[in-house]
């Protein structure tokens, strides 16, 4: 049985809450949004200042969510292009 892949932080996505520069955390009271707390861009400033137990309460999964971008296979792209050409 193969070992599970290691969790690799994705640059540009917070490893705690999963926010990105295009979908940042927002403080409802001040309207302020988060920024990056580290050079690698894997931890946002909102999560960086939270104590560990508070992070777990706000973000119980702690693992980053699945990437929000789904890439199409070559076959899916070809099928889509055929559909466009046929006018369906």
PDB file of N, CA and C in Angstrom:
ATOM      1  N   UNK A   1       0.852  -1.187   0.000  1.00  0.00           N
ATOM      2  CA  UNK A   1       0.000   0.000   0.000  1.00  0.00           C
ATOM      3  C   UNK A   1       0.888   1.237   0.000  1.00  0.00           C
ATOM      4  N   UNK A   2       0.620   2.156  -0.890  1.00  0.00           N
ATOM      5  CA  UNK A   2       1.424   3.370  -1.023  1.00  0.00           C
ATOM      6  C   UNK A   2       1.105   4.332   0.115  1.00  0.00           C
ATOM      7  N   UNK A   3       2.115   5.068   0.529  1.00  0.00           N
ATOM      8  CA  UNK A   3       1.927   6.064   1.589  1.00  0.00           C
ATOM      9  C   UNK A   3       1.119   7.241   1.054  1.00  0.00           C
ATOM     10  N   UNK A   4       0.372   7.857   1.939  1.00  0.00           N
ATOM     11  CA  UNK A   4      -0.409   9.031   1.550  1.00  0.00           C
ATOM     12  C   UNK A   4       0.537  10.171   1.216  1.00  0.00           C
ATOM     13  N   UNK A   5       0.203  10.983   0.209  1.00  0.00           N
ATOM     14  CA  UNK A   5       1.070  12.108  -0.136  1.00  0.00           C
ATOM     15  C   UNK A   5       1.140  13.107   1.008  1.00  0.00           C
ATOM     16  N   UNK A   6       2.296  13.712   1.175  1.00  0.00           N
ATOM     17  CA  UNK A   6       2.469  14.722   2.217  1.00  0.00           C
ATOM     18  C   UNK A   6       1.676  15.970   1.859  1.00  0.00           C
ATOM     19  N   UNK A   7       1.193  16.642   2.875  1.00  0.00           N
ATOM     20  CA  UNK A   7       0.473  17.885   2.647  1.00  0.00           C
ATOM     21  C   UNK A   7       1.486  18.974   2.341  1.00  0.00           C
ATOM     22  N   UNK A   8       1.421  19.520   1.156  1.00  0.00           N
ATOM     23  CA  UNK A   8       2.369  20.543   0.722  1.00  0.00           C
ATOM     24  C   UNK A   8       1.634  21.867   0.655  1.00  0.00           C
ATOM     25  N   UNK A   9       2.101  22.874   1.414  1.00  0.00           N
ATOM     26  CA  UNK A   9       1.441  24.180   1.330  1.00  0.00           C
ATOM     27  C   UNK A   9       1.490  24.736  -0.092  1.00  0.00           C
ATOM     28  N   UNK A  10       0.412  25.355  -0.508  1.00  0.00           N
ATOM     29  CA  UNK A  10       0.304  25.930  -1.840  1.00  0.00           C
ATOM     30  C   UNK A  10       0.602  27.421  -1.739  1.00  0.00           C
ATOM     31  N   UNK A  11       1.659  27.925  -2.393  1.00  0.00           N
ATOM     32  CA  UNK A  11       1.930  29.364  -2.339  1.00  0.00           C
ATOM     33  C   UNK A  11       0.716  30.157  -2.813  1.00  0.00           C
ATOM     34  N   UNK A  12       0.375  31.181  -2.049  1.00  0.00           N
ATOM     35  CA  UNK A  12      -0.777  31.996  -2.403  1.00  0.00           C
ATOM     36  C   UNK A  12      -2.075  31.519  -1.789  1.00  0.00           C
ATOM     37  N   UNK A  13      -2.012  30.466  -0.922  1.00  0.00           N
ATOM     38  CA  UNK A  13      -3.189  29.965  -0.227  1.00  0.00           C
ATOM     39  C   UNK A  13      -2.814  29.705   1.225  1.00  0.00           C
ATOM     40  N   UNK A  14      -3.556  30.304   2.159  1.00  0.00           N
ATOM     41  CA  UNK A  14      -3.273  30.117   3.583  1.00  0.00           C
ATOM     42  C   UNK A  14      -3.450  28.651   3.953  1.00  0.00           C
ATOM     43  N   UNK A  15      -2.451  28.081   4.618  1.00  0.00           N
ATOM     44  CA  UNK A  15      -2.494  26.667   4.987  1.00  0.00           C
ATOM     45  C   UNK A  15      -3.467  26.388   6.132  1.00  0.00           C
ATOM     46  N   UNK A  16      -3.962  27.435   6.808  1.00  0.00           N
ATOM     47  CA  UNK A  16      -4.895  27.257   7.910  1.00  0.00           C
ATOM     48  C   UNK A  16      -6.335  27.423   7.437  1.00  0.00           C
ATOM     49  N   UNK A  17      -6.641  28.569   6.825  1.00  0.00           N
ATOM     50  CA  UNK A  17      -8.043  28.842   6.467  1.00  0.00           C
ATOM     51  C   UNK A  17      -8.340  28.701   4.980  1.00  0.00           C
ATOM     52  N   UNK A  18      -7.306  28.647   4.139  1.00  0.00           N
ATOM     53  CA  UNK A  18      -7.524  28.465   2.711  1.00  0.00           C
ATOM     54  C   UNK A  18      -7.804  29.735   1.941  1.00  0.00           C
ATOM     55  N   UNK A  19      -7.660  30.909   2.579  1.00  0.00           N
ATOM     56  CA  UNK A  19      -7.912  32.149   1.850  1.00  0.00           C
ATOM     57  C   UNK A  19      -6.818  32.386   0.806  1.00  0.00           C
ATOM     58  N   UNK A  20      -7.103  33.250  -0.165  1.00  0.00           N
ATOM     59  CA  UNK A  20      -6.144  33.617  -1.202  1.00  0.00           C
ATOM     60  C   UNK A  20      -6.170  35.134  -1.361  1.00  0.00           C
ATOM     61  N   UNK A  21      -5.295  35.668  -2.174  1.00  0.00           N
ATOM     62  CA  UNK A  21      -5.313  37.118  -2.383  1.00  0.00           C
ATOM     63  C   UNK A  21      -6.586  37.560  -3.094  1.00  0.00           C
ATOM     64  N   UNK A  22      -7.251  36.653  -3.786  1.00  0.00           N
ATOM     65  CA  UNK A  22      -8.484  36.985  -4.493  1.00  0.00           C
ATOM     66  C   UNK A  22      -9.729  36.677  -3.667  1.00  0.00           C
ATOM     67  N   UNK A  23      -9.544  35.952  -2.569  1.00  0.00           N
ATOM     68  CA  UNK A  23     -10.649  35.568  -1.679  1.00  0.00           C
ATOM     69  C   UNK A  23     -10.125  35.663  -0.250  1.00  0.00           C
ATOM     70  N   UNK A  24      -9.789  36.885   0.172  1.00  0.00           N
ATOM     71  CA  UNK A  24      -9.125  37.118   1.458  1.00  0.00           C
ATOM     72  C   UNK A  24     -10.111  37.090   2.620  1.00  0.00           C
ATOM     73  N   UNK A  25      -9.563  36.852   3.836  1.00  0.00           N
ATOM     74  CA  UNK A  25     -10.358  36.969   5.061  1.00  0.00           C
ATOM     75  C   UNK A  25     -10.748  38.440   5.214  1.00  0.00           C
ATOM     76  N   UNK A  26     -11.911  38.691   5.779  1.00  0.00           N
ATOM     77  CA  UNK A  26     -12.364  40.072   5.976  1.00  0.00           C
ATOM     78  C   UNK A  26     -12.873  40.228   7.399  1.00  0.00           C
ATOM     79  N   UNK A  27     -12.408  41.291   8.057  1.00  0.00           N
ATOM     80  CA  UNK A  27     -12.896  41.649   9.385  1.00  0.00           C
ATOM     81  C   UNK A  27     -14.232  42.354   9.190  1.00  0.00           C
ATOM     82  N   UNK A  28     -15.307  41.764   9.708  1.00  0.00           N
ATOM     83  CA  UNK A  28     -16.650  42.324   9.500  1.00  0.00           C
ATOM     84  C   UNK A  28     -16.838  43.689  10.155  1.00  0.00           C
ATOM     85  N   UNK A  29     -16.059  43.987  11.182  1.00  0.00           N
ATOM     86  CA  UNK A  29     -16.214  45.260  11.887  1.00  0.00           C
ATOM     87  C   UNK A  29     -15.460  46.395  11.207  1.00  0.00           C
ATOM     88  N   UNK A  30     -14.244  46.122  10.755  1.00  0.00           N
ATOM     89  CA  UNK A  30     -13.415  47.191  10.181  1.00  0.00           C
ATOM     90  C   UNK A  30     -13.370  47.159   8.663  1.00  0.00           C
ATOM     91  N   UNK A  31     -13.742  46.025   8.057  1.00  0.00           N
ATOM     92  CA  UNK A  31     -13.645  45.882   6.612  1.00  0.00           C
ATOM     93  C   UNK A  31     -12.240  45.540   6.149  1.00  0.00           C
ATOM     94  N   UNK A  32     -11.300  45.461   7.091  1.00  0.00           N
ATOM     95  CA  UNK A  32      -9.908  45.150   6.781  1.00  0.00           C
ATOM     96  C   UNK A  32      -9.790  43.710   6.272  1.00  0.00           C
ATOM     97  N   UNK A  33      -8.916  43.510   5.296  1.00  0.00           N
ATOM     98  CA  UNK A  33      -8.658  42.163   4.799  1.00  0.00           C
ATOM     99  C   UNK A  33      -7.263  41.720   5.222  1.00  0.00           C
ATOM    100  N   UNK A  34      -7.031  40.426   5.183  1.00  0.00           N
ATOM    101  CA  UNK A  34      -5.743  39.886   5.603  1.00  0.00           C
ATOM    102  C   UNK A  34      -4.667  40.120   4.541  1.00  0.00           C
ATOM    103  N   UNK A  35      -3.445  39.859   4.936  1.00  0.00           N
ATOM    104  CA  UNK A  35      -2.289  39.940   4.045  1.00  0.00           C
ATOM    105  C   UNK A  35      -1.450  38.696   4.339  1.00  0.00           C
ATOM    106  N   UNK A  36      -0.297  38.582   3.721  1.00  0.00           N
ATOM    107  CA  UNK A  36       0.556  37.418   3.964  1.00  0.00           C
ATOM    108  C   UNK A  36       1.468  37.669   5.154  1.00  0.00           C
ATOM    109  N   UNK A  37       1.560  36.680   6.036  1.00  0.00           N
ATOM    110  CA  UNK A  37       2.391  36.785   7.236  1.00  0.00           C
ATOM    111  C   UNK A  37       3.784  36.200   7.015  1.00  0.00           C
ATOM    112  N   UNK A  38       3.969  35.481   5.927  1.00  0.00           N
ATOM    113  CA  UNK A  38       5.292  34.906   5.647  1.00  0.00           C
ATOM    114  C   UNK A  38       5.648  35.095   4.176  1.00  0.00           C
ATOM    115  N   UNK A  39       6.927  35.025   3.905  1.00  0.00           N
ATOM    116  CA  UNK A  39       7.429  35.244   2.545  1.00  0.00           C
ATOM    117  C   UNK A  39       6.900  34.210   1.563  1.00  0.00           C
ATOM    118  N   UNK A  40       6.660  32.989   2.038  1.00  0.00           N
ATOM    119  CA  UNK A  40       6.193  31.899   1.162  1.00  0.00           C
ATOM    120  C   UNK A  40       4.731  32.051   0.759  1.00  0.00           C
ATOM    121  N   UNK A  41       4.003  32.996   1.392  1.00  0.00           N
ATOM    122  CA  UNK A  41       2.582  33.236   1.141  1.00  0.00           C
ATOM    123  C   UNK A  41       1.751  31.980   1.412  1.00  0.00           C
ATOM    124  N   UNK A  42       2.013  31.354   2.588  1.00  0.00           N
ATOM    125  CA  UNK A  42       1.251  30.169   2.987  1.00  0.00           C
ATOM    126  C   UNK A  42       0.542  30.361   4.325  1.00  0.00           C
ATOM    127  N   UNK A  43       0.611  31.580   4.900  1.00  0.00           N
ATOM    128  CA  UNK A  43      -0.053  31.874   6.168  1.00  0.00           C
ATOM    129  C   UNK A  43      -0.525  33.323   6.138  1.00  0.00           C
ATOM    130  N   UNK A  44      -1.842  33.522   6.352  1.00  0.00           N
ATOM    131  CA  UNK A  44      -2.359  34.892   6.330  1.00  0.00           C
ATOM    132  C   UNK A  44      -2.182  35.553   7.694  1.00  0.00           C
ATOM    133  N   UNK A  45      -2.241  36.879   7.708  1.00  0.00           N
ATOM    134  CA  UNK A  45      -2.023  37.625   8.942  1.00  0.00           C
ATOM    135  C   UNK A  45      -3.125  37.372   9.968  1.00  0.00           C
ATOM    136  N   UNK A  46      -4.324  37.086   9.551  1.00  0.00           N
ATOM    137  CA  UNK A  46      -5.395  36.802  10.505  1.00  0.00           C
ATOM    138  C   UNK A  46      -5.104  35.500  11.245  1.00  0.00           C
ATOM    139  N   UNK A  47      -4.698  34.465  10.535  1.00  0.00           N
ATOM    140  CA  UNK A  47      -4.416  33.175  11.170  1.00  0.00           C
ATOM    141  C   UNK A  47      -3.109  33.205  11.967  1.00  0.00           C
ATOM    142  N   UNK A  48      -2.158  34.009  11.537  1.00  0.00           N
ATOM    143  CA  UNK A  48      -0.856  34.060  12.204  1.00  0.00           C
ATOM    144  C   UNK A  48      -0.955  34.555  13.636  1.00  0.00           C
ATOM    145  N   UNK A  49      -1.909  35.426  13.929  1.00  0.00           N
ATOM    146  CA  UNK A  49      -2.005  35.996  15.275  1.00  0.00           C
ATOM    147  C   UNK A  49      -2.930  35.205  16.196  1.00  0.00           C
ATOM    148  N   UNK A  50      -3.624  34.217  15.678  1.00  0.00           N
ATOM    149  CA  UNK A  50      -4.531  33.425  16.506  1.00  0.00           C
ATOM    150  C   UNK A  50      -3.757  32.377  17.296  1.00  0.00           C
ATOM    151  N   UNK A  51      -4.080  32.191  18.584  1.00  0.00           N
ATOM    152  CA  UNK A  51      -3.484  31.074  19.320  1.00  0.00           C
ATOM    153  C   UNK A  51      -3.930  29.755  18.686  1.00  0.00           C
ATOM    154  N   UNK A  52      -3.142  28.724  18.842  1.00  0.00           N
ATOM    155  CA  UNK A  52      -3.413  27.427  18.210  1.00  0.00           C
ATOM    156  C   UNK A  52      -4.828  26.921  18.520  1.00  0.00           C
ATOM    157  N   UNK A  53      -5.264  27.017  19.777  1.00  0.00           N
ATOM    158  CA  UNK A  53      -6.598  26.506  20.136  1.00  0.00           C
ATOM    159  C   UNK A  53      -7.703  27.317  19.466  1.00  0.00           C
ATOM    160  N   UNK A  54      -7.479  28.606  19.262  1.00  0.00           N
ATOM    161  CA  UNK A  54      -8.470  29.440  18.577  1.00  0.00           C
ATOM    162  C   UNK A  54      -8.510  29.098  17.101  1.00  0.00           C
ATOM    163  N   UNK A  55      -7.346  28.863  16.504  1.00  0.00           N
ATOM    164  CA  UNK A  55      -7.309  28.459  15.082  1.00  0.00           C
ATOM    165  C   UNK A  55      -8.125  27.198  14.879  1.00  0.00           C
ATOM    166  N   UNK A  56      -7.953  26.231  15.789  1.00  0.00           N
ATOM    167  CA  UNK A  56      -8.687  24.965  15.665  1.00  0.00           C
ATOM    168  C   UNK A  56     -10.184  25.181  15.813  1.00  0.00           C
ATOM    169  N   UNK A  57     -10.581  26.125  16.667  1.00  0.00           N
ATOM    170  CA  UNK A  57     -12.009  26.400  16.846  1.00  0.00           C
ATOM    171  C   UNK A  57     -12.599  27.047  15.592  1.00  0.00           C
ATOM    172  N   UNK A  58     -11.856  27.982  14.983  1.00  0.00           N
ATOM    173  CA  UNK A  58     -12.343  28.652  13.786  1.00  0.00           C
ATOM    174  C   UNK A  58     -12.208  27.784  12.543  1.00  0.00           C
ATOM    175  N   UNK A  59     -11.149  27.032  12.479  1.00  0.00           N
ATOM    176  CA  UNK A  59     -10.827  26.221  11.300  1.00  0.00           C
ATOM    177  C   UNK A  59     -10.508  24.801  11.745  1.00  0.00           C
ATOM    178  N   UNK A  60     -11.525  23.991  12.075  1.00  0.00           N
ATOM    179  CA  UNK A  60     -11.268  22.669  12.643  1.00  0.00           C
ATOM    180  C   UNK A  60     -10.465  21.744  11.745  1.00  0.00           C
ATOM    181  N   UNK A  61     -10.554  21.886  10.445  1.00  0.00           N
ATOM    182  CA  UNK A  61      -9.836  20.972   9.556  1.00  0.00           C
ATOM    183  C   UNK A  61      -8.339  21.247   9.557  1.00  0.00           C
ATOM    184  N   UNK A  62      -7.919  22.476   9.751  1.00  0.00           N
ATOM    185  CA  UNK A  62      -6.534  22.930   9.734  1.00  0.00           C
ATOM    186  C   UNK A  62      -5.823  22.600   8.421  1.00  0.00           C
ATOM    187  N   UNK A  63      -6.184  21.543   7.770  1.00  0.00           N
ATOM    188  CA  UNK A  63      -5.567  21.223   6.481  1.00  0.00           C
ATOM    189  C   UNK A  63      -6.144  22.144   5.425  1.00  0.00           C
ATOM    190  N   UNK A  64      -5.333  22.547   4.445  1.00  0.00           N
ATOM    191  CA  UNK A  64      -5.871  23.424   3.405  1.00  0.00           C
ATOM    192  C   UNK A  64      -6.960  22.713   2.612  1.00  0.00           C
ATOM    193  N   UNK A  65      -7.929  23.454   2.132  1.00  0.00           N
ATOM    194  CA  UNK A  65      -8.992  22.844   1.335  1.00  0.00           C
ATOM    195  C   UNK A  65      -8.463  22.398  -0.018  1.00  0.00           C
ATOM    196  N   UNK A  66      -9.289  21.659  -0.709  1.00  0.00           N
ATOM    197  CA  UNK A  66      -8.929  21.255  -2.062  1.00  0.00           C
ATOM    198  C   UNK A  66      -8.726  22.505  -2.904  1.00  0.00           C
ATOM    199  N   UNK A  67      -7.791  22.484  -3.838  1.00  0.00           N
ATOM    200  CA  UNK A  67      -7.621  23.658  -4.711  1.00  0.00           C
ATOM    201  C   UNK A  67      -8.936  23.995  -5.399  1.00  0.00           C
ATOM    202  N   UNK A  68      -9.180  25.279  -5.592  1.00  0.00           N
ATOM    203  CA  UNK A  68     -10.442  25.728  -6.173  1.00  0.00           C
ATOM    204  C   UNK A  68     -10.435  25.685  -7.690  1.00  0.00           C
ATOM    205  N   UNK A  69      -9.308  25.395  -8.284  1.00  0.00           N
ATOM    206  CA  UNK A  69      -9.199  25.327  -9.730  1.00  0.00           C
ATOM    207  C   UNK A  69      -9.154  23.854 -10.134  1.00  0.00           C
ATOM    208  N   UNK A  70     -10.003  23.470 -11.050  1.00  0.00           N
ATOM    209  CA  UNK A  70     -10.016  22.105 -11.548  1.00  0.00           C
ATOM    210  C   UNK A  70      -9.582  22.153 -13.007  1.00  0.00           C
ATOM    211  N   UNK A  71      -8.515  21.434 -13.308  1.00  0.00           N
ATOM    212  CA  UNK A  71      -7.994  21.423 -14.674  1.00  0.00           C
ATOM    213  C   UNK A  71      -8.690  20.349 -15.491  1.00  0.00           C
ATOM    214  N   UNK A  72      -9.006  20.668 -16.718  1.00  0.00           N
ATOM    215  CA  UNK A  72      -9.635  19.711 -17.618  1.00  0.00           C
ATOM    216  C   UNK A  72      -8.564  18.845 -18.266  1.00  0.00           C
ATOM    217  N   UNK A  73      -8.931  17.604 -18.560  1.00  0.00           N
ATOM    218  CA  UNK A  73      -8.014  16.723 -19.271  1.00  0.00           C
ATOM    219  C   UNK A  73      -8.012  17.101 -20.749  1.00  0.00           C
ATOM    220  N   UNK A  74      -7.044  16.566 -21.478  1.00  0.00           N
ATOM    221  CA  UNK A  74      -6.987  16.841 -22.915  1.00  0.00           C
ATOM    222  C   UNK A  74      -8.244  16.330 -23.609  1.00  0.00           C
ATOM    223  N   UNK A  75      -8.730  15.172 -23.190  1.00  0.00           N
ATOM    224  CA  UNK A  75      -9.947  14.614 -23.777  1.00  0.00           C
ATOM    225  C   UNK A  75     -11.162  15.492 -23.536  1.00  0.00           C
ATOM    226  N   UNK A  76     -11.271  16.035 -22.324  1.00  0.00           N
ATOM    227  CA  UNK A  76     -12.388  16.928 -22.012  1.00  0.00           C
ATOM    228  C   UNK A  76     -12.318  18.203 -22.832  1.00  0.00           C
ATOM    229  N   UNK A  77     -11.110  18.727 -23.028  1.00  0.00           N
ATOM    230  CA  UNK A  77     -10.945  19.928 -23.853  1.00  0.00           C
ATOM    231  C   UNK A  77     -11.336  19.648 -25.298  1.00  0.00           C
ATOM    232  N   UNK A  78     -10.897  18.514 -25.818  1.00  0.00           N
ATOM    233  CA  UNK A  78     -11.237  18.159 -27.199  1.00  0.00           C
ATOM    234  C   UNK A  78     -12.745  17.986 -27.370  1.00  0.00           C
ATOM    235  N   UNK A  79     -13.385  17.349 -26.394  1.00  0.00           N
ATOM    236  CA  UNK A  79     -14.827  17.163 -26.461  1.00  0.00           C
ATOM    237  C   UNK A  79     -15.538  18.521 -26.434  1.00  0.00           C
ATOM    238  N   UNK A  80     -15.084  19.422 -25.608  1.00  0.00           N
ATOM    239  CA  UNK A  80     -15.671  20.761 -25.532  1.00  0.00           C
ATOM    240  C   UNK A  80     -15.518  21.493 -26.861  1.00  0.00           C
ATOM    241  N   UNK A  81     -14.325  21.414 -27.457  1.00  0.00           N
ATOM    242  CA  UNK A  81     -14.087  22.074 -28.736  1.00  0.00           C
ATOM    243  C   UNK A  81     -14.958  21.479 -29.845  1.00  0.00           C
ATOM    244  N   UNK A  82     -15.127  20.155 -29.844  1.00  0.00           N
ATOM    245  CA  UNK A  82     -16.005  19.504 -30.839  1.00  0.00           C
ATOM    246  C   UNK A  82     -17.433  20.016 -30.686  1.00  0.00           C
ATOM    247  N   UNK A  83     -17.887  20.135 -29.441  1.00  0.00           N
ATOM    248  CA  UNK A  83     -19.233  20.617 -29.173  1.00  0.00           C
ATOM    249  C   UNK A  83     -19.409  22.048 -29.691  1.00  0.00           C
ATOM    250  N   UNK A  84     -18.390  22.881 -29.492  1.00  0.00           N
ATOM    251  CA  UNK A  84     -18.473  24.251 -30.001  1.00  0.00           C
ATOM    252  C   UNK A  84     -18.527  24.287 -31.512  1.00  0.00           C
ATOM    253  N   UNK A  85     -17.694  23.462 -32.154  1.00  0.00           N
ATOM    254  CA  UNK A  85     -17.664  23.435 -33.624  1.00  0.00           C
ATOM    255  C   UNK A  85     -18.983  22.940 -34.204  1.00  0.00           C
ATOM    256  N   UNK A  86     -19.608  21.969 -33.532  1.00  0.00           N
ATOM    257  CA  UNK A  86     -20.854  21.401 -34.021  1.00  0.00           C
ATOM    258  C   UNK A  86     -22.050  22.301 -33.714  1.00  0.00           C
ATOM    259  N   UNK A  87     -21.856  23.267 -32.839  1.00  0.00           N
ATOM    260  CA  UNK A  87     -22.927  24.203 -32.518  1.00  0.00           C
ATOM    261  C   UNK A  87     -23.949  23.678 -31.549  1.00  0.00           C
ATOM    262  N   UNK A  88     -23.615  22.659 -30.778  1.00  0.00           N
ATOM    263  CA  UNK A  88     -24.560  22.098 -29.796  1.00  0.00           C
ATOM    264  C   UNK A  88     -24.463  22.819 -28.497  1.00  0.00           C
TER     265      UNK A  88
END
